[in-house]
Amino acid sequence: QVRLAESGGGLAQTGGSLRLSCAATGFAFRGNTMGWFRQAPGKEREFVAVRTWSLLMRSTTTYRDSVKGRFSISRDNAENTVYLQMNNLEPEDTALYYCAAKRGASSSYATDFDFWGQGTTVTVSS
């Protein structure tokens, strides 16, 4: 059974940083894709970042334009955990952040993802 558990959300000031974690059980990164999505109050869920690993564990990463240069994905293979490092936060980053997983190739569409965490809230004050 696949389970994704996010943590690390909280309150930050504009320009601050937070690191979100997503611990995956029952799901291997090799050959698969992990993504981060977010949903602000009153808005639809949107893509934030996604990383895909080949069978040789080479990775490709895609970020939405508004977070490029500020957010980055990394992994701890031993812990089977994916991180989203968020720097230079802006009030527009305030949202419920979800970790998601899908088998196979990369996608930025939430509907393509098979497994979801419960979400962690990020609030950025101005």
PDB file of N, CA and C in Angstrom:
ATOM      1  N   GLN A   1       0.840  -1.191   0.000  1.00  0.00           N
ATOM      2  CA  GLN A   1       0.000   0.000   0.000  1.00  0.00           C
ATOM      3  C   GLN A   1       0.879   1.246   0.000  1.00  0.00           C
ATOM      4  N   VAL A   2       0.590   2.163  -0.894  1.00  0.00           N
ATOM      5  CA  VAL A   2       1.369   3.392  -1.006  1.00  0.00           C
ATOM      6  C   VAL A   2       0.839   4.417  -0.018  1.00  0.00           C
ATOM      7  N   ARG A   3       1.763   5.046   0.673  1.00  0.00           N
ATOM      8  CA  ARG A   3       1.387   6.109   1.593  1.00  0.00           C
ATOM      9  C   ARG A   3       2.390   7.244   1.450  1.00  0.00           C
ATOM     10  N   LEU A   4       1.875   8.458   1.353  1.00  0.00           N
ATOM     11  CA  LEU A   4       2.703   9.663   1.286  1.00  0.00           C
ATOM     12  C   LEU A   4       2.357  10.541   2.474  1.00  0.00           C
ATOM     13  N   ALA A   5       3.367  10.963   3.196  1.00  0.00           N
ATOM     14  CA  ALA A   5       3.141  11.769   4.394  1.00  0.00           C
ATOM     15  C   ALA A   5       3.971  13.038   4.310  1.00  0.00           C
ATOM     16  N   GLU A   6       3.279  14.177   4.200  1.00  0.00           N
ATOM     17  CA  GLU A   6       3.971  15.456   4.128  1.00  0.00           C
ATOM     18  C   GLU A   6       4.181  16.026   5.523  1.00  0.00           C
ATOM     19  N   SER A   7       5.207  16.846   5.633  1.00  0.00           N
ATOM     20  CA  SER A   7       5.456  17.611   6.851  1.00  0.00           C
ATOM     21  C   SER A   7       6.294  18.823   6.482  1.00  0.00           C
ATOM     22  N   GLY A   8       6.423  19.739   7.438  1.00  0.00           N
ATOM     23  CA  GLY A   8       7.297  20.877   7.234  1.00  0.00           C
ATOM     24  C   GLY A   8       6.615  22.184   6.912  1.00  0.00           C
ATOM     25  N   GLY A   9       5.306  22.166   6.760  1.00  0.00           N
ATOM     26  CA  GLY A   9       4.615  23.422   6.507  1.00  0.00           C
ATOM     27  C   GLY A   9       4.606  24.294   7.747  1.00  0.00           C
ATOM     28  N   GLY A  10       4.157  25.524   7.567  1.00  0.00           N
ATOM     29  CA  GLY A  10       4.097  26.440   8.701  1.00  0.00           C
ATOM     30  C   GLY A  10       3.981  27.866   8.227  1.00  0.00           C
ATOM     31  N   LEU A  11       4.350  28.752   9.115  1.00  0.00           N
ATOM     32  CA  LEU A  11       4.259  30.187   8.844  1.00  0.00           C
ATOM     33  C   LEU A  11       5.645  30.743   8.555  1.00  0.00           C
ATOM     34  N   ALA A  12       5.751  31.536   7.491  1.00  0.00           N
ATOM     35  CA  ALA A  12       7.008  32.186   7.155  1.00  0.00           C
ATOM     36  C   ALA A  12       6.729  33.626   6.754  1.00  0.00           C
ATOM     37  N   GLN A  13       7.719  34.442   6.879  1.00  0.00           N
ATOM     38  CA  GLN A  13       7.613  35.820   6.416  1.00  0.00           C
ATOM     39  C   GLN A  13       8.045  35.905   4.958  1.00  0.00           C
ATOM     40  N   THR A  14       7.608  36.936   4.293  1.00  0.00           N
ATOM     41  CA  THR A  14       8.054  37.173   2.922  1.00  0.00           C
ATOM     42  C   THR A  14       9.578  37.206   2.882  1.00  0.00           C
ATOM     43  N   GLY A  15      10.125  36.443   1.935  1.00  0.00           N
ATOM     44  CA  GLY A  15      11.570  36.334   1.830  1.00  0.00           C
ATOM     45  C   GLY A  15      12.162  35.200   2.630  1.00  0.00           C
ATOM     46  N   GLY A  16      11.350  34.555   3.445  1.00  0.00           N
ATOM     47  CA  GLY A  16      11.824  33.455   4.275  1.00  0.00           C
ATOM     48  C   GLY A  16      11.860  32.133   3.526  1.00  0.00           C
ATOM     49  N   SER A  17      12.160  31.074   4.267  1.00  0.00           N
ATOM     50  CA  SER A  17      12.305  29.750   3.675  1.00  0.00           C
ATOM     51  C   SER A  17      11.579  28.705   4.507  1.00  0.00           C
ATOM     52  N   LEU A  18      11.131  27.669   3.835  1.00  0.00           N
ATOM     53  CA  LEU A  18      10.588  26.480   4.464  1.00  0.00           C
ATOM     54  C   LEU A  18      11.025  25.272   3.646  1.00  0.00           C
ATOM     55  N   ARG A  19      11.119  24.132   4.304  1.00  0.00           N
ATOM     56  CA  ARG A  19      11.402  22.901   3.579  1.00  0.00           C
ATOM     57  C   ARG A  19      10.304  21.890   3.886  1.00  0.00           C
ATOM     58  N   LEU A  20       9.636  21.465   2.852  1.00  0.00           N
ATOM     59  CA  LEU A  20       8.607  20.446   2.985  1.00  0.00           C
ATOM     60  C   LEU A  20       9.210  19.076   2.740  1.00  0.00           C
ATOM     61  N   SER A  21       8.720  18.098   3.474  1.00  0.00           N
ATOM     62  CA  SER A  21       9.159  16.719   3.312  1.00  0.00           C
ATOM     63  C   SER A  21       7.981  15.842   2.909  1.00  0.00           C
ATOM     64  N   CYS A  22       8.290  14.828   2.136  1.00  0.00           N
ATOM     65  CA  CYS A  22       7.276  13.850   1.749  1.00  0.00           C
ATOM     66  C   CYS A  22       7.895  12.466   1.892  1.00  0.00           C
ATOM     67  N   ALA A  23       7.498  11.759   2.922  1.00  0.00           N
ATOM     68  CA  ALA A  23       7.989  10.416   3.163  1.00  0.00           C
ATOM     69  C   ALA A  23       7.074   9.419   2.454  1.00  0.00           C
ATOM     70  N   ALA A  24       7.674   8.636   1.570  1.00  0.00           N
ATOM     71  CA  ALA A  24       6.903   7.682   0.773  1.00  0.00           C
ATOM     72  C   ALA A  24       7.148   6.263   1.264  1.00  0.00           C
ATOM     73  N   THR A  25       6.088   5.536   1.484  1.00  0.00           N
ATOM     74  CA  THR A  25       6.196   4.111   1.797  1.00  0.00           C
ATOM     75  C   THR A  25       5.419   3.329   0.739  1.00  0.00           C
ATOM     76  N   GLY A  26       6.001   2.182   0.356  1.00  0.00           N
ATOM     77  CA  GLY A  26       5.354   1.354  -0.642  1.00  0.00           C
ATOM     78  C   GLY A  26       5.484   1.887  -2.053  1.00  0.00           C
ATOM     79  N   PHE A  27       6.393   2.838  -2.264  1.00  0.00           N
ATOM     80  CA  PHE A  27       6.553   3.445  -3.587  1.00  0.00           C
ATOM     81  C   PHE A  27       8.033   3.720  -3.825  1.00  0.00           C
ATOM     82  N   ALA A  28       8.565   3.178  -4.916  1.00  0.00           N
ATOM     83  CA  ALA A  28       9.974   3.373  -5.254  1.00  0.00           C
ATOM     84  C   ALA A  28      10.137   4.512  -6.244  1.00  0.00           C
ATOM     85  N   PHE A  29      11.175   5.321  -6.051  1.00  0.00           N
ATOM     86  CA  PHE A  29      11.416   6.438  -6.951  1.00  0.00           C
ATOM     87  C   PHE A  29      11.892   5.976  -8.316  1.00  0.00           C
ATOM     88  N   ARG A  30      12.643   4.908  -8.361  1.00  0.00           N
ATOM     89  CA  ARG A  30      13.245   4.440  -9.609  1.00  0.00           C
ATOM     90  C   ARG A  30      12.179   4.212 -10.665  1.00  0.00           C
ATOM     91  N   GLY A  31      12.322   4.906 -11.787  1.00  0.00           N
ATOM     92  CA  GLY A  31      11.389   4.759 -12.899  1.00  0.00           C
ATOM     93  C   GLY A  31      10.062   5.467 -12.722  1.00  0.00           C
ATOM     94  N   ASN A  32       9.922   6.234 -11.665  1.00  0.00           N
ATOM     95  CA  ASN A  32       8.646   6.871 -11.347  1.00  0.00           C
ATOM     96  C   ASN A  32       8.808   8.370 -11.106  1.00  0.00           C
ATOM     97  N   THR A  33       7.720   8.998 -10.779  1.00  0.00           N
ATOM     98  CA  THR A  33       7.652  10.453 -10.691  1.00  0.00           C
ATOM     99  C   THR A  33       7.045  10.896  -9.371  1.00  0.00           C
ATOM    100  N   MET A  34       7.650  11.897  -8.769  1.00  0.00           N
ATOM    101  CA  MET A  34       7.103  12.536  -7.572  1.00  0.00           C
ATOM    102  C   MET A  34       6.831  14.007  -7.887  1.00  0.00           C
ATOM    103  N   GLY A  35       5.737  14.501  -7.378  1.00  0.00           N
ATOM    104  CA  GLY A  35       5.394  15.887  -7.657  1.00  0.00           C
ATOM    105  C   GLY A  35       4.892  16.616  -6.436  1.00  0.00           C
ATOM    106  N   TRP A  36       4.940  17.924  -6.526  1.00  0.00           N
ATOM    107  CA  TRP A  36       4.360  18.811  -5.516  1.00  0.00           C
ATOM    108  C   TRP A  36       3.317  19.688  -6.200  1.00  0.00           C
ATOM    109  N   PHE A  37       2.168  19.765  -5.565  1.00  0.00           N
ATOM    110  CA  PHE A  37       1.084  20.610  -6.036  1.00  0.00           C
ATOM    111  C   PHE A  37       0.633  21.483  -4.872  1.00  0.00           C
ATOM    112  N   ARG A  38      -0.116  22.516  -5.173  1.00  0.00           N
ATOM    113  CA  ARG A  38      -0.636  23.364  -4.105  1.00  0.00           C
ATOM    114  C   ARG A  38      -2.021  23.872  -4.467  1.00  0.00           C
ATOM    115  N   GLN A  39      -2.769  24.201  -3.434  1.00  0.00           N
ATOM    116  CA  GLN A  39      -4.106  24.733  -3.635  1.00  0.00           C
ATOM    117  C   GLN A  39      -4.338  25.857  -2.647  1.00  0.00           C
ATOM    118  N   ALA A  40      -4.490  27.046  -3.181  1.00  0.00           N
ATOM    119  CA  ALA A  40      -4.782  28.208  -2.354  1.00  0.00           C
ATOM    120  C   ALA A  40      -6.289  28.302  -2.123  1.00  0.00           C
ATOM    121  N   PRO A  41      -6.716  28.958  -1.058  1.00  0.00           N
ATOM    122  CA  PRO A  41      -8.151  29.079  -0.789  1.00  0.00           C
ATOM    123  C   PRO A  41      -8.901  29.690  -1.967  1.00  0.00           C
ATOM    124  N   GLY A  42      -9.951  29.020  -2.389  1.00  0.00           N
ATOM    125  CA  GLY A  42     -10.771  29.519  -3.481  1.00  0.00           C
ATOM    126  C   GLY A  42     -10.195  29.321  -4.865  1.00  0.00           C
ATOM    127  N   LYS A  43      -9.069  28.620  -4.935  1.00  0.00           N
ATOM    128  CA  LYS A  43      -8.442  28.398  -6.242  1.00  0.00           C
ATOM    129  C   LYS A  43      -8.303  26.908  -6.522  1.00  0.00           C
ATOM    130  N   GLU A  44      -8.045  26.588  -7.778  1.00  0.00           N
ATOM    131  CA  GLU A  44      -7.849  25.200  -8.156  1.00  0.00           C
ATOM    132  C   GLU A  44      -6.442  24.742  -7.783  1.00  0.00           C
ATOM    133  N   ARG A  45      -6.306  23.439  -7.653  1.00  0.00           N
ATOM    134  CA  ARG A  45      -4.995  22.855  -7.391  1.00  0.00           C
ATOM    135  C   ARG A  45      -4.087  23.124  -8.580  1.00  0.00           C
ATOM    136  N   GLU A  46      -2.839  23.492  -8.302  1.00  0.00           N
ATOM    137  CA  GLU A  46      -1.919  23.789  -9.384  1.00  0.00           C
ATOM    138  C   GLU A  46      -0.582  23.085  -9.189  1.00  0.00           C
ATOM    139  N   PHE A  47       0.049  22.824 -10.291  1.00  0.00           N
ATOM    140  CA  PHE A  47       1.349  22.187 -10.320  1.00  0.00           C
ATOM    141  C   PHE A  47       2.408  23.136  -9.763  1.00  0.00           C
ATOM    142  N   VAL A  48       3.324  22.601  -8.974  1.00  0.00           N
ATOM    143  CA  VAL A  48       4.453  23.372  -8.452  1.00  0.00           C
ATOM    144  C   VAL A  48       5.766  22.841  -9.026  1.00  0.00           C
ATOM    145  N   ALA A  49       6.020  21.560  -8.852  1.00  0.00           N
ATOM    146  CA  ALA A  49       7.289  20.984  -9.285  1.00  0.00           C
ATOM    147  C   ALA A  49       7.126  19.477  -9.415  1.00  0.00           C
ATOM    148  N   VAL A  50       7.919  18.883 -10.289  1.00  0.00           N
ATOM    149  CA  VAL A  50       7.875  17.439 -10.462  1.00  0.00           C
ATOM    150  C   VAL A  50       9.270  16.941 -10.813  1.00  0.00           C
ATOM    151  N   ARG A  51       9.592  15.763 -10.283  1.00  0.00           N
ATOM    152  CA  ARG A  51      10.867  15.138 -10.619  1.00  0.00           C
ATOM    153  C   ARG A  51      10.614  13.693 -10.993  1.00  0.00           C
ATOM    154  N   THR A  52      11.255  13.279 -12.081  1.00  0.00           N
ATOM    155  CA  THR A  52      11.145  11.907 -12.566  1.00  0.00           C
ATOM    156  C   THR A  52      12.516  11.250 -12.536  1.00  0.00           C
ATOM    157  N   TRP A  53      12.548   9.996 -12.106  1.00  0.00           N
ATOM    158  CA  TRP A  53      13.795   9.253 -12.085  1.00  0.00           C
ATOM    159  C   TRP A  53      13.731   8.138 -13.117  1.00  0.00           C
ATOM    160  N   SER A  54      14.834   7.997 -13.882  1.00  0.00           N
ATOM    161  CA  SER A  54      14.919   6.903 -14.827  1.00  0.00           C
ATOM    162  C   SER A  54      15.260   5.619 -14.076  1.00  0.00           C
ATOM    163  N   LEU A  55      15.318   4.505 -14.817  1.00  0.00           N
ATOM    164  CA  LEU A  55      15.689   3.243 -14.189  1.00  0.00           C
ATOM    165  C   LEU A  55      17.133   3.279 -13.694  1.00  0.00           C
ATOM    166  N   LEU A  56      17.944   4.187 -14.260  1.00  0.00           N
ATOM    167  CA  LEU A  56      19.322   4.367 -13.804  1.00  0.00           C
ATOM    168  C   LEU A  56      19.412   5.499 -12.785  1.00  0.00           C
ATOM    169  N   MET A  57      18.271   5.977 -12.318  1.00  0.00           N
ATOM    170  CA  MET A  57      18.166   7.012 -11.294  1.00  0.00           C
ATOM    171  C   MET A  57      18.704   8.361 -11.750  1.00  0.00           C
ATOM    172  N   ARG A  58      18.737   8.560 -13.066  1.00  0.00           N
ATOM    173  CA  ARG A  58      18.981   9.914 -13.542  1.00  0.00           C
ATOM    174  C   ARG A  58      17.651  10.652 -13.458  1.00  0.00           C
ATOM    175  N   SER A  59      17.691  11.929 -13.086  1.00  0.00           N
ATOM    176  CA  SER A  59      16.436  12.642 -12.839  1.00  0.00           C
ATOM    177  C   SER A  59      16.254  13.829 -13.765  1.00  0.00           C
ATOM    178  N   THR A  60      15.012  14.141 -14.012  1.00  0.00           N
ATOM    179  CA  THR A  60      14.638  15.362 -14.715  1.00  0.00           C
ATOM    180  C   THR A  60      13.613  16.086 -13.858  1.00  0.00           C
ATOM    181  N   THR A  61      13.697  17.403 -13.834  1.00  0.00           N
ATOM    182  CA  THR A  61      12.858  18.204 -12.957  1.00  0.00           C
ATOM    183  C   THR A  61      12.207  19.336 -13.738  1.00  0.00           C
ATOM    184  N   THR A  62      10.977  19.589 -13.403  1.00  0.00           N
ATOM    185  CA  THR A  62      10.242  20.693 -14.012  1.00  0.00           C
ATOM    186  C   THR A  62       9.601  21.515 -12.910  1.00  0.00           C
ATOM    187  N   TYR A  63       9.676  22.831 -13.041  1.00  0.00           N
ATOM    188  CA  TYR A  63       9.073  23.742 -12.069  1.00  0.00           C
ATOM    189  C   TYR A  63       8.096  24.677 -12.781  1.00  0.00           C
ATOM    190  N   ARG A  64       7.052  25.087 -12.066  1.00  0.00           N
ATOM    191  CA  ARG A  64       6.203  26.132 -12.643  1.00  0.00           C
ATOM    192  C   ARG A  64       7.010  27.426 -12.671  1.00  0.00           C
ATOM    193  N   ASP A  65       6.684  28.282 -13.610  1.00  0.00           N
ATOM    194  CA  ASP A  65       7.508  29.464 -13.850  1.00  0.00           C
ATOM    195  C   ASP A  65       7.657  30.339 -12.610  1.00  0.00           C
ATOM    196  N   SER A  66       6.598  30.476 -11.839  1.00  0.00           N
ATOM    197  CA  SER A  66       6.626  31.421 -10.720  1.00  0.00           C
ATOM    198  C   SER A  66       7.509  30.967  -9.560  1.00  0.00           C
ATOM    199  N   VAL A  67       7.951  29.703  -9.556  1.00  0.00           N
ATOM    200  CA  VAL A  67       8.802  29.235  -8.465  1.00  0.00           C
ATOM    201  C   VAL A  67      10.217  28.935  -8.926  1.00  0.00           C
ATOM    202  N   LYS A  68      10.464  29.043 -10.214  1.00  0.00           N
ATOM    203  CA  LYS A  68      11.816  28.769 -10.729  1.00  0.00           C
ATOM    204  C   LYS A  68      12.833  29.686 -10.059  1.00  0.00           C
ATOM    205  N   GLY A  69      13.939  29.097  -9.647  1.00  0.00           N
ATOM    206  CA  GLY A  69      14.982  29.860  -8.974  1.00  0.00           C
ATOM    207  C   GLY A  69      14.741  30.037  -7.492  1.00  0.00           C
ATOM    208  N   ARG A  70      13.548  29.697  -7.021  1.00  0.00           N
ATOM    209  CA  ARG A  70      13.231  29.830  -5.606  1.00  0.00           C
ATOM    210  C   ARG A  70      12.989  28.477  -4.938  1.00  0.00           C
ATOM    211  N   PHE A  71      12.367  27.558  -5.641  1.00  0.00           N
ATOM    212  CA  PHE A  71      12.043  26.242  -5.100  1.00  0.00           C
ATOM    213  C   PHE A  71      12.939  25.194  -5.744  1.00  0.00           C
ATOM    214  N   SER A  72      13.230  24.138  -4.996  1.00  0.00           N
ATOM    215  CA  SER A  72      13.979  23.033  -5.568  1.00  0.00           C
ATOM    216  C   SER A  72      13.586  21.716  -4.916  1.00  0.00           C
ATOM    217  N   ILE A  73      13.591  20.671  -5.710  1.00  0.00           N
ATOM    218  CA  ILE A  73      13.287  19.321  -5.246  1.00  0.00           C
ATOM    219  C   ILE A  73      14.584  18.579  -5.001  1.00  0.00           C
ATOM    220  N   SER A  74      14.614  17.805  -3.933  1.00  0.00           N
ATOM    221  CA  SER A  74      15.737  16.915  -3.685  1.00  0.00           C
ATOM    222  C   SER A  74      15.185  15.641  -3.053  1.00  0.00           C
ATOM    223  N   ARG A  75      16.050  14.659  -2.891  1.00  0.00           N
ATOM    224  CA  ARG A  75      15.583  13.392  -2.317  1.00  0.00           C
ATOM    225  C   ARG A  75      16.622  12.830  -1.370  1.00  0.00           C
ATOM    226  N   ASP A  76      16.125  12.030  -0.451  1.00  0.00           N
ATOM    227  CA  ASP A  76      16.977  11.213   0.403  1.00  0.00           C
ATOM    228  C   ASP A  76      16.585   9.783   0.105  1.00  0.00           C
ATOM    229  N   ASN A  77      17.407   9.116  -0.690  1.00  0.00           N
ATOM    230  CA  ASN A  77      17.026   7.779  -1.149  1.00  0.00           C
ATOM    231  C   ASN A  77      16.928   6.796   0.010  1.00  0.00           C
ATOM    232  N   ALA A  78      17.803   6.946   0.979  1.00  0.00           N
ATOM    233  CA  ALA A  78      17.813   6.019   2.110  1.00  0.00           C
ATOM    234  C   ALA A  78      16.525   6.115   2.913  1.00  0.00           C
ATOM    235  N   GLU A  79      15.981   7.334   2.974  1.00  0.00           N
ATOM    236  CA  GLU A  79      14.753   7.538   3.737  1.00  0.00           C
ATOM    237  C   GLU A  79      13.522   7.485   2.845  1.00  0.00           C
ATOM    238  N   ASN A  80      13.733   7.309   1.532  1.00  0.00           N
ATOM    239  CA  ASN A  80      12.635   7.333   0.573  1.00  0.00           C
ATOM    240  C   ASN A  80      11.772   8.581   0.759  1.00  0.00           C
ATOM    241  N   THR A  81      12.460   9.694   0.861  1.00  0.00           N
ATOM    242  CA  THR A  81      11.803  10.975   1.136  1.00  0.00           C
ATOM    243  C   THR A  81      12.181  11.983   0.069  1.00  0.00           C
ATOM    244  N   VAL A  82      11.190  12.763  -0.329  1.00  0.00           N
ATOM    245  CA  VAL A  82      11.404  13.860  -1.272  1.00  0.00           C
ATOM    246  C   VAL A  82      11.174  15.172  -0.536  1.00  0.00           C
ATOM    247  N   TYR A  83      11.990  16.143  -0.850  1.00  0.00           N
ATOM    248  CA  TYR A  83      11.891  17.440  -0.198  1.00  0.00           C
ATOM    249  C   TYR A  83      11.560  18.527  -1.225  1.00  0.00           C
ATOM    250  N   LEU A  84      10.889  19.546  -0.750  1.00  0.00           N
ATOM    251  CA  LEU A  84      10.692  20.756  -1.543  1.00  0.00           C
ATOM    252  C   LEU A  84      11.251  21.916  -0.726  1.00  0.00           C
ATOM    253  N   GLN A  85      12.416  22.388  -1.138  1.00  0.00           N
ATOM    254  CA  GLN A  85      13.029  23.544  -0.485  1.00  0.00           C
ATOM    255  C   GLN A  85      12.447  24.797  -1.104  1.00  0.00           C
ATOM    256  N   MET A  86      11.863  25.644  -0.274  1.00  0.00           N
ATOM    257  CA  MET A  86      11.212  26.856  -0.754  1.00  0.00           C
ATOM    258  C   MET A  86      11.919  28.062  -0.155  1.00  0.00           C
ATOM    259  N   ASN A  87      12.568  28.836  -0.999  1.00  0.00           N
ATOM    260  CA  ASN A  87      13.292  30.027  -0.573  1.00  0.00           C
ATOM    261  C   ASN A  87      12.629  31.281  -1.128  1.00  0.00           C
ATOM    262  N   ASN A  88      12.965  32.404  -0.523  1.00  0.00           N
ATOM    263  CA  ASN A  88      12.444  33.690  -0.977  1.00  0.00           C
ATOM    264  C   ASN A  88      10.922  33.626  -1.150  1.00  0.00           C
ATOM    265  N   LEU A  89      10.258  33.132  -0.124  1.00  0.00           N
ATOM    266  CA  LEU A  89       8.817  32.937  -0.189  1.00  0.00           C
ATOM    267  C   LEU A  89       8.074  34.253  -0.372  1.00  0.00           C
ATOM    268  N   GLU A  90       6.952  34.136  -1.076  1.00  0.00           N
ATOM    269  CA  GLU A  90       6.090  35.288  -1.349  1.00  0.00           C
ATOM    270  C   GLU A  90       4.689  34.991  -0.810  1.00  0.00           C
ATOM    271  N   PRO A  91       3.917  36.021  -0.491  1.00  0.00           N
ATOM    272  CA  PRO A  91       2.537  35.774  -0.005  1.00  0.00           C
ATOM    273  C   PRO A  91       1.726  34.923  -0.990  1.00  0.00           C
ATOM    274  N   GLU A  92       2.031  35.030  -2.273  1.00  0.00           N
ATOM    275  CA  GLU A  92       1.323  34.241  -3.284  1.00  0.00           C
ATOM    276  C   GLU A  92       1.617  32.753  -3.182  1.00  0.00           C
ATOM    277  N   ASP A  93       2.617  32.377  -2.404  1.00  0.00           N
ATOM    278  CA  ASP A  93       2.938  30.960  -2.194  1.00  0.00           C
ATOM    279  C   ASP A  93       2.067  30.332  -1.114  1.00  0.00           C
ATOM    280  N   THR A  94       1.269  31.121  -0.439  1.00  0.00           N
ATOM    281  CA  THR A  94       0.396  30.603   0.605  1.00  0.00           C
ATOM    282  C   THR A  94      -0.602  29.620   0.010  1.00  0.00           C
ATOM    283  N   ALA A  95      -0.607  28.396   0.542  1.00  0.00           N
ATOM    284  CA  ALA A  95      -1.481  27.352   0.011  1.00  0.00           C
ATOM    285  C   ALA A  95      -1.328  26.092   0.848  1.00  0.00           C
ATOM    286  N   LEU A  96      -2.201  25.141   0.561  1.00  0.00           N
ATOM    287  CA  LEU A  96      -2.055  23.782   1.067  1.00  0.00           C
ATOM    288  C   LEU A  96      -1.218  23.031   0.042  1.00  0.00           C
ATOM    289  N   TYR A  97      -0.090  22.498   0.464  1.00  0.00           N
ATOM    290  CA  TYR A  97       0.838  21.836  -0.442  1.00  0.00           C
ATOM    291  C   TYR A  97       0.678  20.329  -0.331  1.00  0.00           C
ATOM    292  N   TYR A  98       0.567  19.694  -1.490  1.00  0.00           N
ATOM    293  CA  TYR A  98       0.399  18.247  -1.555  1.00  0.00           C
ATOM    294  C   TYR A  98       1.594  17.595  -2.243  1.00  0.00           C
ATOM    295  N   CYS A  99       1.975  16.463  -1.723  1.00  0.00           N
ATOM    296  CA  CYS A  99       2.924  15.582  -2.372  1.00  0.00           C
ATOM    297  C   CYS A  99       2.118  14.540  -3.146  1.00  0.00           C
ATOM    298  N   ALA A 100       2.610  14.184  -4.329  1.00  0.00           N
ATOM    299  CA  ALA A 100       1.897  13.209  -5.151  1.00  0.00           C
ATOM    300  C   ALA A 100       2.896  12.309  -5.853  1.00  0.00           C
ATOM    301  N   ALA A 101       2.445  11.123  -6.208  1.00  0.00           N
ATOM    302  CA  ALA A 101       3.305  10.152  -6.881  1.00  0.00           C
ATOM    303  C   ALA A 101       2.555   9.513  -8.036  1.00  0.00           C
ATOM    304  N   LYS A 102       3.295   9.229  -9.079  1.00  0.00           N
ATOM    305  CA  LYS A 102       2.722   8.498 -10.205  1.00  0.00           C
ATOM    306  C   LYS A 102       3.767   7.526 -10.737  1.00  0.00           C
ATOM    307  N   ARG A 103       3.296   6.466 -11.305  1.00  0.00           N
ATOM    308  CA  ARG A 103       4.197   5.500 -11.916  1.00  0.00           C
ATOM    309  C   ARG A 103       4.559   5.998 -13.302  1.00  0.00           C
ATOM    310  N   GLY A 104       5.836   5.836 -13.646  1.00  0.00           N
ATOM    311  CA  GLY A 104       6.268   6.165 -14.990  1.00  0.00           C
ATOM    312  C   GLY A 104       6.581   7.619 -15.211  1.00  0.00           C
ATOM    313  N   ALA A 105       6.307   8.061 -16.426  1.00  0.00           N
ATOM    314  CA  ALA A 105       6.798   9.329 -16.948  1.00  0.00           C
ATOM    315  C   ALA A 105       6.240  10.544 -16.233  1.00  0.00           C
ATOM    316  N   SER A 106       6.942  11.648 -16.447  1.00  0.00           N
ATOM    317  CA  SER A 106       6.593  12.900 -15.800  1.00  0.00           C
ATOM    318  C   SER A 106       5.273  13.469 -16.319  1.00  0.00           C
ATOM    319  N   SER A 107       4.645  14.263 -15.479  1.00  0.00           N
ATOM    320  CA  SER A 107       3.437  14.975 -15.855  1.00  0.00           C
ATOM    321  C   SER A 107       3.267  16.151 -14.916  1.00  0.00           C
ATOM    322  N   SER A 108       2.638  17.207 -15.400  1.00  0.00           N
ATOM    323  CA  SER A 108       2.307  18.346 -14.542  1.00  0.00           C
ATOM    324  C   SER A 108       0.807  18.406 -14.276  1.00  0.00           C
ATOM    325  N   TYR A 109       0.096  17.376 -14.660  1.00  0.00           N
ATOM    326  CA  TYR A 109      -1.350  17.336 -14.479  1.00  0.00           C
ATOM    327  C   TYR A 109      -1.707  16.513 -13.247  1.00  0.00           C
ATOM    328  N   ALA A 110      -2.423  17.123 -12.338  1.00  0.00           N
ATOM    329  CA  ALA A 110      -2.783  16.447 -11.101  1.00  0.00           C
ATOM    330  C   ALA A 110      -3.564  15.162 -11.366  1.00  0.00           C
ATOM    331  N   THR A 111      -4.366  15.167 -12.410  1.00  0.00           N
ATOM    332  CA  THR A 111      -5.187  13.990 -12.706  1.00  0.00           C
ATOM    333  C   THR A 111      -4.361  12.781 -13.123  1.00  0.00           C
ATOM    334  N   ASP A 112      -3.105  13.001 -13.486  1.00  0.00           N
ATOM    335  CA  ASP A 112      -2.245  11.890 -13.881  1.00  0.00           C
ATOM    336  C   ASP A 112      -1.605  11.183 -12.690  1.00  0.00           C
ATOM    337  N   PHE A 113      -1.690  11.782 -11.521  1.00  0.00           N
ATOM    338  CA  PHE A 113      -1.025  11.228 -10.348  1.00  0.00           C
ATOM    339  C   PHE A 113      -1.930  10.241  -9.624  1.00  0.00           C
ATOM    340  N   ASP A 114      -1.300   9.138  -9.188  1.00  0.00           N
ATOM    341  CA  ASP A 114      -2.058   8.030  -8.625  1.00  0.00           C
ATOM    342  C   ASP A 114      -2.226   8.119  -7.120  1.00  0.00           C
ATOM    343  N   PHE A 115      -1.263   8.725  -6.438  1.00  0.00           N
ATOM    344  CA  PHE A 115      -1.254   8.710  -4.977  1.00  0.00           C
ATOM    345  C   PHE A 115      -1.004  10.117  -4.449  1.00  0.00           C
ATOM    346  N   TRP A 116      -1.674  10.422  -3.337  1.00  0.00           N
ATOM    347  CA  TRP A 116      -1.603  11.762  -2.759  1.00  0.00           C
ATOM    348  C   TRP A 116      -1.426  11.699  -1.258  1.00  0.00           C
ATOM    349  N   GLY A 117      -0.682  12.693  -0.738  1.00  0.00           N
ATOM    350  CA  GLY A 117      -0.608  12.875   0.694  1.00  0.00           C
ATOM    351  C   GLY A 117      -1.781  13.711   1.179  1.00  0.00           C
ATOM    352  N   GLN A 118      -1.777  13.980   2.472  1.00  0.00           N
ATOM    353  CA  GLN A 118      -2.898  14.692   3.075  1.00  0.00           C
ATOM    354  C   GLN A 118      -2.739  16.203   2.990  1.00  0.00           C
ATOM    355  N   GLY A 119      -1.548  16.657   2.660  1.00  0.00           N
ATOM    356  CA  GLY A 119      -1.288  18.082   2.509  1.00  0.00           C
ATOM    357  C   GLY A 119      -0.694  18.709   3.756  1.00  0.00           C
ATOM    358  N   THR A 120       0.067  19.764   3.544  1.00  0.00           N
ATOM    359  CA  THR A 120       0.642  20.536   4.641  1.00  0.00           C
ATOM    360  C   THR A 120       0.501  22.013   4.288  1.00  0.00           C
ATOM    361  N   THR A 121       0.117  22.811   5.254  1.00  0.00           N
ATOM    362  CA  THR A 121      -0.213  24.207   4.990  1.00  0.00           C
ATOM    363  C   THR A 121       1.013  25.112   5.094  1.00  0.00           C
ATOM    364  N   VAL A 122       1.144  25.959   4.106  1.00  0.00           N
ATOM    365  CA  VAL A 122       2.193  26.984   4.086  1.00  0.00           C
ATOM    366  C   VAL A 122       1.517  28.345   4.062  1.00  0.00           C
ATOM    367  N   THR A 123       1.888  29.183   5.010  1.00  0.00           N
ATOM    368  CA  THR A 123       1.344  30.533   5.069  1.00  0.00           C
ATOM    369  C   THR A 123       2.500  31.513   5.066  1.00  0.00           C
ATOM    370  N   VAL A 124       2.470  32.440   4.130  1.00  0.00           N
ATOM    371  CA  VAL A 124       3.527  33.437   4.013  1.00  0.00           C
ATOM    372  C   VAL A 124       2.931  34.804   4.298  1.00  0.00           C
ATOM    373  N   SER A 125       3.445  35.454   5.311  1.00  0.00           N
ATOM    374  CA  SER A 125       2.928  36.763   5.705  1.00  0.00           C
ATOM    375  C   SER A 125       3.734  37.864   5.021  1.00  0.00           C
ATOM    376  N   SER A 126       3.022  38.944   4.718  1.00  0.00           N
ATOM    377  CA  SER A 126       3.682  40.062   4.029  1.00  0.00           C
ATOM    378  C   SER A 126       4.268  41.036   5.020  1.00  0.00           C
TER     379      SER A 126
END
